[in-house]
């Protein structure tokens, strides 16, 4: 028998069929865990999560405390410097009561230290000595606009 080369007509619209069947069925199942074991696992996980949150919170509070401590020391240092300068001007005023610039300097320092009533008093005394002082008028105007007294 002779074989002839015959071309089979292939329908271009159809794709070849390569179907196979899977002989084994795939079964997926979770391992069975008792309720008690599951609850213990959740409990341990929750404890670890809470501990981690407390650790992170403690770190954040520690950094904030360190920053505030640094700022507090800086403010104390500035207050000490201002107090030293104020003592100098108060001693100067005690010796030279007719020097208006000293009163204006004392007023500025009292304002920076938060003593607005003393700042006002020093400005008034300075303006009594020199009513035409531009610096004195500026300080007086600043204090009036700031505190409306």
Foldseek 3Di string as FASTA:
>chain_A
DDDDDDDDDDDPVDDDDDDDDDPDDDDDDDDDDDPVVVVVVVVVVVVVVVVVVVVVVVVVVVVVVVVVVVVVVVVVVVLVVLVVVLVVLVVVCVVPVLDLVSLQSNLVSCVVVPNNVSSQVSLVSSCVSPVPDPSSVVSNVVSCVVPVD
